[in-house]
Amino acid sequence: MSVRMPSNFGRSGAQESALDLLGHEILGEKAAALGRAGRRVDETLARLREHGDDGEHRARLLRDAAEAVHGYFIQRELCGLRKHDAVIREYNIPKAVLARLGAK
């Protein structure tokens, strides 16, 4: 035999609808933030590839790229995406950048 909670103790249809709308908006914001973080990775890696030959300038470009990649990885994890191997290949993230994140 199963027991069901009385309907007057559950959420109302209006409350469910509001939660669905809020959840949808939160997912949209997560996706937008992930897109912005991905564009930042693209931009910093492009600058590193174009101007990364100068020794002093290279250190700053590596730091900027590592910060962008770190932020992107965090945003991916907030979206539930835990594995970054495909992203590392897709963006062709240099080992020097990954080493600054603690990768071996």
Protein backbone atom coordinates (compact mmCIF):
# COMPACT_ATOMS: atom_id res chain seq x y z
CA MET A 1 0.00 0.00 0.00
CA SER A 2 1.34 3.46 -0.84
CA VAL A 3 0.55 6.67 0.92
CA ARG A 4 0.31 10.00 -0.83
CA MET A 5 0.64 13.41 0.82
CA PRO A 6 -2.56 15.41 0.83
CA SER A 7 -2.55 17.98 -1.97
CA ASN A 8 -2.98 20.90 0.42
CA PHE A 9 0.51 20.17 1.86
CA GLY A 10 2.28 20.25 -1.48
CA ARG A 11 3.33 23.16 -3.66
CA SER A 12 0.71 24.99 -5.63
CA GLY A 13 0.77 25.11 -9.42
CA ALA A 14 1.79 28.78 -9.28
CA GLN A 15 4.76 27.96 -7.05
CA GLU A 16 5.88 25.16 -9.39
CA SER A 17 5.59 27.46 -12.40
CA ALA A 18 7.62 30.19 -10.70
CA LEU A 19 10.34 27.69 -9.79
CA ASP A 20 10.42 26.40 -13.37
CA LEU A 21 10.83 29.94 -14.71
CA LEU A 22 13.57 30.71 -12.22
CA GLY A 23 15.38 27.46 -13.02
CA HIS A 24 15.16 28.24 -16.72
CA GLU A 25 16.59 31.72 -16.17
CA ILE A 26 19.43 30.34 -14.03
CA LEU A 27 20.34 27.82 -16.74
CA GLY A 28 20.37 30.62 -19.31
CA GLU A 29 22.71 32.69 -17.16
CA LYS A 30 25.04 29.72 -16.65
CA ALA A 31 25.17 29.15 -20.40
CA ALA A 32 25.82 32.84 -21.10
CA ALA A 33 28.60 32.95 -18.49
CA LEU A 34 30.16 29.82 -20.01
CA GLY A 35 30.09 31.46 -23.44
CA ARG A 36 31.76 34.63 -22.12
CA ALA A 37 34.43 32.58 -20.37
CA GLY A 38 35.07 30.62 -23.57
CA ARG A 39 35.48 33.82 -25.59
CA ARG A 40 37.95 35.10 -23.01
CA VAL A 41 39.97 31.88 -23.38
CA ASP A 42 39.94 32.31 -27.18
CA GLU A 43 41.13 35.91 -26.92
CA THR A 44 43.91 35.31 -24.39
CA LEU A 45 45.22 32.24 -26.23
CA ALA A 46 45.22 34.16 -29.53
CA ARG A 47 47.26 36.97 -27.93
CA LEU A 48 49.65 34.39 -26.47
CA ARG A 49 50.15 32.75 -29.86
CA GLU A 50 50.64 36.08 -31.66
CA HIS A 51 52.85 37.90 -29.16
CA GLY A 52 54.19 35.19 -26.86
CA ASP A 53 57.78 35.27 -28.13
CA ASP A 54 58.95 38.21 -26.00
CA GLY A 55 60.26 36.96 -22.64
CA GLU A 56 58.85 39.62 -20.33
CA HIS A 57 55.66 40.01 -22.31
CA ARG A 58 55.23 36.22 -22.48
CA ALA A 59 55.02 35.87 -18.69
CA ARG A 60 52.09 38.30 -18.55
CA LEU A 61 50.36 36.63 -21.49
CA LEU A 62 50.79 33.20 -19.87
CA ARG A 63 49.33 34.52 -16.62
CA ASP A 64 46.35 36.06 -18.43
CA ALA A 65 45.72 32.85 -20.39
CA ALA A 66 45.99 30.71 -17.25
CA GLU A 67 43.48 32.95 -15.43
CA ALA A 68 41.06 32.75 -18.36
CA VAL A 69 41.37 28.96 -18.64
CA HIS A 70 40.98 28.55 -14.88
CA GLY A 71 37.80 30.65 -14.92
CA TYR A 72 36.47 28.66 -17.87
CA PHE A 73 37.14 25.35 -16.13
CA ILE A 74 35.35 26.59 -13.00
CA GLN A 75 32.36 27.74 -15.04
CA ARG A 76 32.23 24.36 -16.82
CA GLU A 77 32.24 22.57 -13.47
CA LEU A 78 29.41 24.79 -12.23
CA CYS A 79 27.46 23.63 -15.28
CA GLY A 80 28.15 20.00 -14.36
CA LEU A 81 30.89 19.43 -16.94
CA ARG A 82 33.75 17.85 -15.02
CA LYS A 83 36.09 16.50 -17.71
CA HIS A 84 38.22 19.04 -19.55
CA ASP A 85 40.29 16.81 -21.87
CA ALA A 86 38.21 17.54 -24.98
CA VAL A 87 38.24 21.27 -24.25
CA ILE A 88 42.01 21.26 -23.83
CA ARG A 89 42.34 19.64 -27.26
CA GLU A 90 39.70 21.85 -28.88
CA TYR A 91 41.24 25.12 -27.67
CA ASN A 92 44.75 23.68 -28.10
CA ILE A 93 45.72 24.98 -24.67
CA PRO A 94 49.52 25.03 -24.37
CA LYS A 95 51.20 22.93 -21.71
CA ALA A 96 52.79 26.09 -20.28
CA VAL A 97 49.30 27.41 -19.48
CA LEU A 98 48.14 24.10 -18.02
CA ALA A 99 51.29 23.90 -15.88
CA ARG A 100 50.31 27.20 -14.27
CA LEU A 101 47.03 25.54 -13.28
CA GLY A 102 48.88 22.68 -11.60
CA ALA A 103 48.51 20.12 -14.39
CA LYS A 104 51.37 17.69 -14.90
